[in-house]
Protein backbone atom coordinates (compact mmCIF):
# COMPACT_ATOMS: atom_id res chain seq x y z
CA MET A 1 -25.31 51.43 -64.52
CA ASN A 2 -29.01 51.75 -64.56
CA LYS A 3 -30.46 54.91 -65.61
CA VAL A 4 -32.19 57.60 -63.58
CA ASN A 5 -35.26 59.01 -65.52
CA PHE A 6 -37.11 62.17 -64.84
CA ASN A 7 -40.69 62.05 -66.05
CA LEU A 8 -43.72 64.33 -65.92
CA LYS A 9 -46.62 63.03 -63.77
CA ASN A 10 -49.36 64.56 -65.96
CA PRO A 11 -47.73 65.23 -69.43
CA ASN A 12 -50.97 65.77 -71.12
CA LYS A 13 -52.07 68.60 -68.84
CA GLU A 14 -50.84 72.32 -68.83
CA SER A 15 -48.44 71.89 -65.75
CA SER A 16 -47.27 68.83 -64.07
CA LEU A 17 -45.18 67.55 -61.25
CA ILE A 18 -41.69 66.05 -62.04
CA ILE A 19 -41.27 62.55 -60.96
CA LEU A 20 -37.89 60.60 -60.59
CA VAL A 21 -38.14 56.93 -61.68
CA PHE A 22 -35.21 54.48 -61.40
CA ARG A 23 -35.69 50.90 -62.60
CA TYR A 24 -33.49 48.01 -61.53
CA SER A 25 -33.93 44.20 -61.20
CA ASN A 26 -37.81 44.27 -61.95
CA ARG A 27 -38.34 46.97 -59.33
CA ILE A 28 -39.15 50.73 -59.66
CA TYR A 29 -38.19 53.29 -57.25
CA LYS A 30 -40.22 56.58 -57.70
CA GLU A 31 -39.74 59.92 -55.91
CA SER A 32 -41.53 63.16 -56.37
CA MET A 33 -39.12 66.21 -56.97
CA LYS A 34 -41.73 68.62 -55.57
CA ILE A 35 -41.24 70.72 -58.67
CA THR A 36 -44.18 71.60 -60.89
CA ILE A 37 -43.69 73.49 -64.04
CA PRO A 38 -45.70 74.15 -67.29
CA VAL A 39 -45.53 71.09 -69.40
CA LYS A 40 -44.38 73.03 -72.57
CA HIS A 41 -41.17 74.03 -70.54
CA TRP A 42 -40.11 70.39 -70.37
CA ASN A 43 -37.41 68.97 -72.63
CA LYS A 44 -38.26 65.28 -72.92
CA LYS A 45 -35.32 64.23 -74.64
CA ARG A 46 -32.84 65.83 -72.19
CA GLN A 47 -35.22 65.15 -69.13
CA ARG A 48 -34.55 68.66 -67.92
CA ILE A 49 -36.43 71.96 -67.82
CA ARG A 50 -35.76 74.34 -70.70
CA GLU A 51 -33.97 77.34 -69.12
CA ILE A 52 -36.10 80.07 -70.60
CA SER A 53 -35.42 83.83 -69.99
CA GLY A 54 -37.56 85.19 -67.21
CA TYR A 55 -37.78 81.93 -65.31
CA PHE A 56 -34.99 82.63 -62.93
CA GLU A 57 -35.75 79.50 -60.77
CA TYR A 58 -35.23 76.96 -63.62
CA PRO A 59 -31.40 76.69 -63.50
CA GLY A 60 -31.74 75.88 -59.76
CA TYR A 61 -34.36 73.22 -60.35
CA ASN A 62 -32.13 71.58 -62.96
CA ALA A 63 -29.31 71.60 -60.50
CA LYS A 64 -31.68 69.80 -57.85
CA LEU A 65 -32.42 67.12 -60.66
CA ASP A 66 -28.71 66.68 -61.33
CA TYR A 67 -28.00 66.27 -57.60
CA MET A 68 -30.65 63.86 -57.22
CA GLU A 69 -29.51 61.76 -59.97
CA ARG A 70 -26.06 61.70 -58.70
CA THR A 71 -27.48 60.65 -55.31
CA VAL A 72 -29.49 57.77 -56.52
CA LYS A 73 -26.67 56.35 -58.57
CA LYS A 74 -24.34 56.57 -55.71
CA ALA A 75 -26.84 54.97 -53.26
CA PHE A 76 -27.35 52.02 -55.68
CA SER A 77 -23.68 51.49 -56.36
CA ASN A 78 -23.15 51.17 -52.73
CA PHE A 79 -25.39 48.03 -52.85
CA GLN A 80 -23.72 46.68 -56.00
CA ARG A 81 -20.14 46.92 -54.17
CA ARG A 82 -21.82 44.48 -51.75
CA ASP A 83 -23.08 42.33 -54.39
CA GLN A 84 -26.51 43.13 -53.16
CA ILE A 85 -29.93 43.92 -54.65
CA PRO A 86 -31.80 46.33 -52.31
CA SER A 87 -35.44 46.43 -51.80
CA ILE A 88 -37.18 49.74 -52.62
CA LYS A 89 -37.30 50.55 -48.91
CA GLU A 90 -33.66 49.90 -48.43
CA LEU A 91 -32.59 51.95 -51.45
CA LYS A 92 -34.77 54.85 -50.18
CA GLU A 93 -33.19 54.77 -46.84
CA GLU A 94 -29.66 54.66 -48.47
CA ILE A 95 -30.61 57.70 -50.61
CA TYR A 96 -31.71 59.74 -47.52
CA ASN A 97 -28.70 58.75 -45.57
CA ILE A 98 -26.45 60.04 -48.29
CA LEU A 99 -28.73 63.34 -48.36
CA ASP A 100 -28.23 63.54 -44.52
CA ILE A 101 -24.44 63.05 -44.72
CA ASN A 102 -24.14 65.79 -47.40
CA ASN A 103 -26.34 68.20 -45.32
CA LEU A 104 -24.19 67.64 -42.30
CA LYS A 105 -21.11 68.31 -44.44
CA ASN A 106 -22.70 71.37 -45.52
CA SER A 107 -23.45 72.58 -42.01
CA LYS A 108 -19.41 73.05 -41.50
CA HIS A 109 -19.90 76.27 -43.60
CA ASP A 110 -21.87 79.32 -42.56
CA THR A 111 -24.49 78.73 -45.20
CA ASN A 112 -26.66 81.35 -43.61
CA THR A 113 -24.52 84.13 -45.27
CA ILE A 114 -24.18 84.49 -49.11
CA ILE A 115 -20.40 84.00 -49.00
CA GLY A 116 -20.82 80.75 -46.92
CA TYR A 117 -23.46 79.41 -49.18
CA ILE A 118 -21.45 80.17 -52.33
CA GLU A 119 -18.23 78.75 -50.93
CA ASN A 120 -20.26 75.42 -50.07
CA PHE A 121 -21.89 75.59 -53.70
CA ILE A 122 -18.31 75.60 -55.17
CA HIS A 123 -17.03 72.96 -52.89
CA ASP A 124 -19.99 70.69 -53.76
CA ALA A 125 -19.82 71.41 -57.48
CA LYS A 126 -16.03 70.62 -57.41
CA GLU A 127 -16.37 67.36 -55.42
CA ASN A 128 -19.02 66.08 -57.62
CA GLU A 129 -17.35 67.06 -60.83
CA LYS A 130 -20.34 68.91 -61.72
CA TYR A 131 -18.60 71.68 -63.80
CA THR A 132 -15.41 71.91 -65.83
CA LYS A 133 -12.54 73.64 -64.34
CA GLY A 134 -13.34 76.88 -66.48
CA THR A 135 -16.85 77.22 -65.26
CA LEU A 136 -15.70 76.74 -61.56
CA GLN A 137 -13.28 79.50 -62.21
CA GLY A 138 -16.06 81.69 -63.28
CA TYR A 139 -17.88 80.85 -59.94
CA ASN A 140 -14.68 81.62 -57.92
CA GLN A 141 -14.56 85.01 -59.85
CA MET A 142 -18.22 85.87 -58.94
CA LEU A 143 -17.32 84.91 -55.37
CA LYS A 144 -14.51 87.55 -55.29
CA VAL A 145 -16.89 90.11 -56.47
CA VAL A 146 -19.33 89.17 -53.57
CA LYS A 147 -16.47 89.42 -51.08
CA SER A 148 -15.77 93.06 -52.20
CA LEU A 149 -19.29 94.12 -51.16
CA PRO A 150 -19.75 96.30 -48.09
CA ASN A 151 -20.16 94.08 -45.09
CA SER A 152 -20.04 90.83 -47.19
CA ARG A 153 -19.10 88.67 -44.44
CA THR A 154 -22.50 89.15 -42.84
CA LEU A 155 -24.65 89.55 -45.99
CA GLU A 156 -27.53 87.14 -46.52
CA PHE A 157 -29.87 86.50 -49.45
CA LYS A 158 -32.57 88.55 -47.98
CA ASP A 159 -30.20 91.60 -47.95
CA LEU A 160 -30.01 91.62 -51.98
CA ASP A 161 -31.87 94.71 -52.35
CA ASN A 162 -31.24 97.21 -55.12
CA SER A 163 -28.44 99.17 -53.44
CA ILE A 164 -26.31 95.89 -52.89
CA LEU A 165 -26.89 94.83 -56.38
CA ASP A 166 -25.97 98.11 -57.78
CA SER A 167 -22.96 98.16 -55.67
CA MET A 168 -21.94 94.99 -57.12
CA THR A 169 -22.01 96.40 -60.54
CA TYR A 170 -20.15 99.42 -59.52
CA ILE A 171 -17.37 97.10 -57.97
CA MET A 172 -17.07 95.09 -61.07
CA VAL A 173 -16.79 98.32 -63.37
CA ASN A 174 -14.50 100.46 -60.96
CA LYS A 175 -12.48 97.85 -59.14
CA PHE A 176 -12.12 95.05 -61.48
CA ASP A 177 -12.59 96.96 -64.88
CA TYR A 178 -14.97 94.43 -66.14
CA GLY A 179 -16.71 95.14 -69.43
CA ILE A 180 -20.54 94.44 -70.00
CA ASN A 181 -20.05 90.90 -71.33
CA GLN A 182 -18.02 89.80 -68.17
CA ILE A 183 -20.50 91.39 -65.92
CA ASN A 184 -23.20 89.59 -67.58
CA LYS A 185 -21.61 86.20 -67.20
CA ILE A 186 -21.12 86.87 -63.28
CA GLN A 187 -24.54 88.11 -62.76
CA LYS A 188 -25.86 84.71 -64.56
CA LYS A 189 -23.71 82.84 -62.18
CA LEU A 190 -25.09 84.73 -59.18
CA ILE A 191 -28.65 84.00 -60.46
CA THR A 192 -27.74 80.14 -60.57
CA VAL A 193 -26.70 80.26 -56.83
CA VAL A 194 -29.44 82.26 -55.73
CA ASN A 195 -32.09 80.04 -57.46
CA HIS A 196 -30.13 77.09 -55.83
CA ALA A 197 -30.56 78.73 -52.41
CA LYS A 198 -34.35 79.36 -53.00
CA ILE A 199 -35.05 75.71 -53.61
CA ASP A 200 -33.08 75.04 -50.38
CA GLY A 201 -35.54 77.26 -48.59
CA TYR A 202 -33.54 80.58 -48.25
CA SER A 203 -35.63 83.82 -48.24
CA ILE A 204 -34.71 86.00 -51.28
CA ASN A 205 -35.13 89.60 -51.33
CA ARG A 206 -37.78 90.31 -54.13
CA ALA A 207 -35.46 93.03 -55.53
CA PHE A 208 -33.25 90.25 -56.88
CA TYR A 209 -36.03 89.08 -59.32
CA SER A 210 -36.47 92.65 -60.80
CA LYS A 211 -34.49 93.22 -63.95
CA GLY A 212 -33.23 96.64 -63.31
CA TRP A 213 -29.83 95.44 -62.05
CA ARG A 214 -29.07 93.25 -64.86
CA VAL A 215 -26.80 94.34 -67.63
CA LYS A 216 -27.49 93.16 -71.15
CA ALA A 217 -24.53 91.34 -72.85
CA LYS A 218 -23.28 93.30 -76.02
CA SER A 219 -22.43 91.86 -79.32
CA ILE A 220 -18.88 93.38 -79.36
CA ASN A 221 -16.45 91.44 -81.70
CA ASN A 222 -13.57 91.33 -79.26
CA SER A 223 -13.92 87.62 -78.62
CA GLY A 224 -10.51 86.42 -79.44
CA VAL A 225 -8.56 86.10 -82.89
CA ALA A 226 -8.14 83.42 -85.49
CA PHE A 227 -4.59 82.68 -87.13
CA THR A 228 -4.36 82.76 -90.87
CA LYS A 229 -2.61 80.10 -92.98
CA GLU A 230 0.34 82.39 -93.36
CA GLU A 231 0.85 82.96 -89.56
CA ILE A 232 0.66 79.08 -89.04
CA HIS A 233 3.21 78.51 -91.62
CA LYS A 234 5.44 81.20 -90.04
CA ILE A 235 5.04 79.42 -86.58
CA LYS A 236 5.83 76.09 -88.24
CA GLU A 237 9.01 77.37 -89.83
CA LEU A 238 10.42 78.75 -86.54
CA LYS A 239 13.41 77.09 -84.97
CA LEU A 240 12.60 76.75 -81.39
CA ASN A 241 14.12 75.28 -78.28
CA LYS A 242 12.66 71.97 -76.83
CA ARG A 243 10.30 73.93 -74.36
CA LEU A 244 8.61 76.10 -77.01
CA ASP A 245 8.70 73.28 -79.65
CA LYS A 246 6.28 71.38 -77.40
CA ILE A 247 4.01 74.22 -77.07
CA ARG A 248 3.82 74.62 -80.98
CA ASP A 249 2.92 70.85 -81.39
CA ILE A 250 0.18 71.25 -78.98
CA PHE A 251 -1.02 74.51 -80.87
CA LEU A 252 -0.94 72.70 -84.01
CA LEU A 253 -2.59 69.82 -82.67
CA GLY A 254 -5.27 72.13 -81.21
CA ILE A 255 -6.00 73.66 -84.48
CA ASN A 256 -6.34 70.44 -86.23
CA VAL A 257 -8.99 68.99 -83.80
CA GLY A 258 -10.92 72.38 -83.00
CA GLN A 259 -11.65 71.31 -79.41
CA ARG A 260 -11.60 73.27 -76.09
CA TYR A 261 -8.30 73.10 -74.42
CA SER A 262 -9.81 71.17 -71.51
CA ASP A 263 -10.65 68.33 -73.88
CA LEU A 264 -7.47 68.73 -76.10
CA LYS A 265 -5.46 67.89 -72.97
CA SER A 266 -7.13 64.45 -72.72
CA LEU A 267 -6.33 63.58 -76.41
CA ASN A 268 -3.76 60.76 -76.76
CA LYS A 269 -3.50 57.44 -78.61
CA ASP A 270 -5.87 55.93 -76.03
CA LYS A 271 -8.63 58.18 -77.42
CA ILE A 272 -8.28 56.82 -81.01
CA ILE A 273 -10.58 54.19 -82.48
CA ASN A 274 -10.43 52.20 -85.79
CA LYS A 275 -13.42 52.03 -88.13
CA ASP A 276 -13.13 50.33 -91.54
CA GLY A 277 -9.47 50.92 -91.66
CA VAL A 278 -9.64 54.73 -90.79
CA GLU A 279 -8.59 56.11 -87.28
CA TYR A 280 -11.00 58.45 -85.40
CA TRP A 281 -10.54 60.66 -82.44
CA ASP A 282 -13.46 59.47 -79.95
CA PHE A 283 -14.16 61.20 -76.83
CA VAL A 284 -16.76 63.00 -74.66
CA GLN A 285 -16.54 66.64 -74.38
CA GLN A 286 -16.26 67.87 -70.69
CA LYS A 287 -18.52 70.77 -71.02
CA THR A 288 -21.22 69.72 -73.27
CA LYS A 289 -21.15 65.91 -72.54
CA LYS A 290 -21.36 65.21 -76.36
CA ARG A 291 -19.54 62.47 -77.96
CA ILE A 292 -17.06 63.66 -80.75
CA THR A 293 -15.81 61.31 -83.33
CA ILE A 294 -13.68 62.90 -86.17
CA PRO A 295 -10.81 61.42 -88.35
CA VAL A 296 -7.30 61.77 -87.27
CA ASP A 297 -5.36 63.72 -89.66
CA GLU A 298 -1.58 62.92 -90.76
CA GLN A 299 -0.24 65.84 -88.95
CA SER A 300 -1.79 64.91 -85.56
CA LYS A 301 -0.47 61.26 -86.17
CA ASN A 302 3.00 62.60 -86.67
CA ILE A 303 2.68 64.79 -83.40
CA LEU A 304 1.44 61.63 -81.44
CA ASN A 305 4.25 59.56 -82.95
CA LYS A 306 6.91 62.21 -81.74
CA TYR A 307 5.63 61.76 -78.15
CA ASN A 308 4.91 58.02 -78.34
CA GLY A 309 1.12 58.67 -78.22
CA TYR A 310 1.13 61.12 -75.28
CA PRO A 311 1.75 64.66 -75.98
CA PRO A 312 3.16 66.83 -73.15
CA TYR A 313 0.25 68.91 -72.35
CA VAL A 314 0.75 71.84 -69.72
CA SER A 315 -1.76 74.07 -67.96
CA SER A 316 -3.74 76.62 -70.12
CA GLN A 317 -1.92 79.47 -68.11
CA ILE A 318 1.48 78.12 -69.16
CA PHE A 319 0.45 77.40 -72.81
CA ASN A 320 -0.98 80.80 -73.06
CA LYS A 321 2.28 82.50 -71.81
CA TYR A 322 4.39 80.45 -74.08
CA LEU A 323 2.34 80.81 -77.13
CA LYS A 324 2.59 84.56 -76.84
CA GLU A 325 6.41 84.06 -76.78
CA ILE A 326 5.96 81.90 -79.89
CA CYS A 327 3.93 84.37 -81.78
CA LYS A 328 6.28 87.28 -80.81
CA LEU A 329 9.29 85.28 -82.38
CA ALA A 330 7.05 84.71 -85.59
CA GLU A 331 6.46 88.31 -85.80
CA ILE A 332 2.54 88.05 -85.55
CA ASN A 333 2.29 91.88 -85.26
CA ASP A 334 -0.99 92.86 -86.74
CA GLU A 335 -2.67 95.67 -84.65
CA ILE A 336 -5.92 94.66 -82.96
CA ILE A 337 -8.32 97.13 -81.44
CA ILE A 338 -9.82 95.90 -78.27
CA ARG A 339 -13.16 97.66 -77.48
CA LYS A 340 -14.71 97.39 -74.06
CA GLU A 341 -18.04 98.65 -73.28
CA TYR A 342 -19.43 99.49 -69.76
CA PRO A 343 -22.85 99.75 -68.12
CA ASN A 344 -22.48 103.58 -67.96
CA LYS A 345 -22.52 103.56 -71.84
CA LYS A 346 -18.75 104.43 -71.80
CA THR A 347 -16.34 102.72 -74.12
CA LYS A 348 -12.57 102.14 -73.95
CA GLU A 349 -10.45 101.11 -76.77
CA GLU A 350 -7.02 99.68 -76.53
CA ARG A 351 -4.58 98.68 -79.32
CA LYS A 352 -2.82 95.63 -78.90
CA LYS A 353 -0.26 93.60 -81.12
CA LYS A 354 -1.77 90.25 -82.14
CA TYR A 355 0.82 88.26 -80.35
CA GLU A 356 -0.09 90.00 -77.01
CA ILE A 357 -3.63 88.72 -76.88
CA VAL A 358 -3.46 85.20 -78.23
CA SER A 359 -4.82 82.20 -76.07
CA SER A 360 -5.50 78.66 -76.14
CA HIS A 361 -9.09 79.16 -77.45
CA ASP A 362 -7.85 80.85 -80.63
CA MET A 363 -6.83 77.35 -81.77
CA ARG A 364 -10.64 76.58 -81.82
CA ARG A 365 -11.46 79.95 -83.58
CA THR A 366 -8.81 79.23 -86.23
CA PHE A 367 -10.12 75.57 -86.96
CA VAL A 368 -13.86 76.97 -87.25
CA THR A 369 -12.62 79.95 -89.61
CA LEU A 370 -10.18 77.89 -91.74
CA ALA A 371 -12.67 74.97 -91.98
CA HIS A 372 -15.29 77.64 -93.06
CA LYS A 373 -13.02 79.16 -95.75
CA LYS A 374 -12.40 75.86 -97.19
CA GLY A 375 -16.07 75.44 -98.03
CA ILE A 376 -16.91 73.10 -95.23
CA PRO A 377 -20.71 73.20 -94.37
CA ALA A 378 -21.32 74.92 -91.10
CA ALA A 379 -23.40 71.75 -89.97
CA VAL A 380 -20.25 69.70 -90.38
CA ILE A 381 -17.98 72.04 -88.58
CA MET A 382 -20.40 72.27 -85.61
CA LYS A 383 -20.50 68.51 -85.50
CA VAL A 384 -16.85 68.41 -84.92
CA SER A 385 -16.52 71.60 -82.70
CA GLY A 386 -19.70 70.55 -80.60
CA HIS A 387 -21.46 73.87 -81.16
CA SER A 388 -25.21 73.41 -80.87
CA ASN A 389 -26.18 77.11 -81.20
CA LEU A 390 -25.51 78.84 -84.44
CA LYS A 391 -25.13 82.21 -82.89
CA THR A 392 -22.36 81.10 -80.67
CA PHE A 393 -20.62 79.23 -83.65
CA SER A 394 -20.86 82.60 -85.72
CA ASP A 395 -18.92 84.31 -83.00
CA TYR A 396 -16.11 82.05 -83.64
CA LEU A 397 -15.79 82.85 -87.31
CA LYS A 398 -13.17 85.41 -87.80
CA ILE A 399 -13.85 86.52 -91.39
CA ASP A 400 -13.86 89.76 -93.28
CA LEU A 401 -17.57 90.17 -94.03
CA LYS A 402 -17.14 92.71 -96.91
CA LYS A 403 -14.93 90.24 -98.74
CA GLU A 404 -17.31 87.39 -97.89
CA MET A 405 -20.36 89.35 -99.42
CA LEU A 406 -18.74 89.85 -102.74
CA ASN A 407 -19.19 86.24 -103.14
CA LEU A 408 -22.98 86.74 -103.19
CA THR A 409 -22.78 88.19 -106.69
CA ASN A 410 -23.21 86.03 -109.86
CA LEU A 411 -24.48 83.03 -107.92
CA TYR A 412 -25.59 81.20 -111.02
């Protein structure tokens, strides 16, 4: 498939218009995106705008570029299926025809209201496979909060004044019991939707662009747990029924590969390649779109062979439920303190047994932690896990900092 490129019209000036460029069969289709940005905010490698704090419109602009890229590819593939090479005029007509059809579909929803627009946004993202299942769940969670607002069914974007935005935070704290980090995530998703609506020509209340209603995420180390070698050994030694034995195999495979559960579920013998006599997992991560190539360890090979190359994956909800059951049987009972902080400065602490809070994502944290303890450089671990941000990567490390700091003595 020919590549759709986005270039700056005037890259040597302070600001520039973004241009879509599509080359095919010695022809060039160009289209202005009608978006002008400071040149220093352009990521030339990714061909997208850098999403910088304070520039609320940038996520929406990038969403428009994504949408246009998909539309051009779809238009061109329509001609390819008919073994035709379109003229530039024919391609343009096909592109605008697709855009008109999509606008007609959107008109089925009452997109004048916030709820109608969000519902359409989620539907479009799902239909075009724009986001992972987990990200879509986050948008649905945000929609649930918006539906809880007073007079939510008639609310429009121009109604998003300070009282409405404050009500939204109040509801998230008092009705849904969300902490600061969860509220921050939901507010970011609302910002993405509102910026998308702004590009579509909706009038946005100026209060939305004040920072007073936003909460700041807190760095509270409640982000999951990691399993120790001893705990993994206890789980391996358990005598389990067939149902739980399958979950244990997925658990061990997940620790070995260090991937998100959405990517783990796609791993089977078809995702293995052979290079110079060595077998590697080779796949593209759903969330980051990064290609990951990592060696297949012996334990993973044994699990694959047990299921003829196709492990019996289940939904993350079922996996989490049964993993808790396995960990309870293995007597993984360490007490964990869960601390939640709210916008009103109040905090709440809960004491939980470790088996009560484990989830699929803890396999990934365990991989990162054990690899770090083994002395593998962070750059190598991040290459495997797909992390590009050191801060995010550090949140996955479940280590005793006091013990680690003792290693700083007698360095030479």
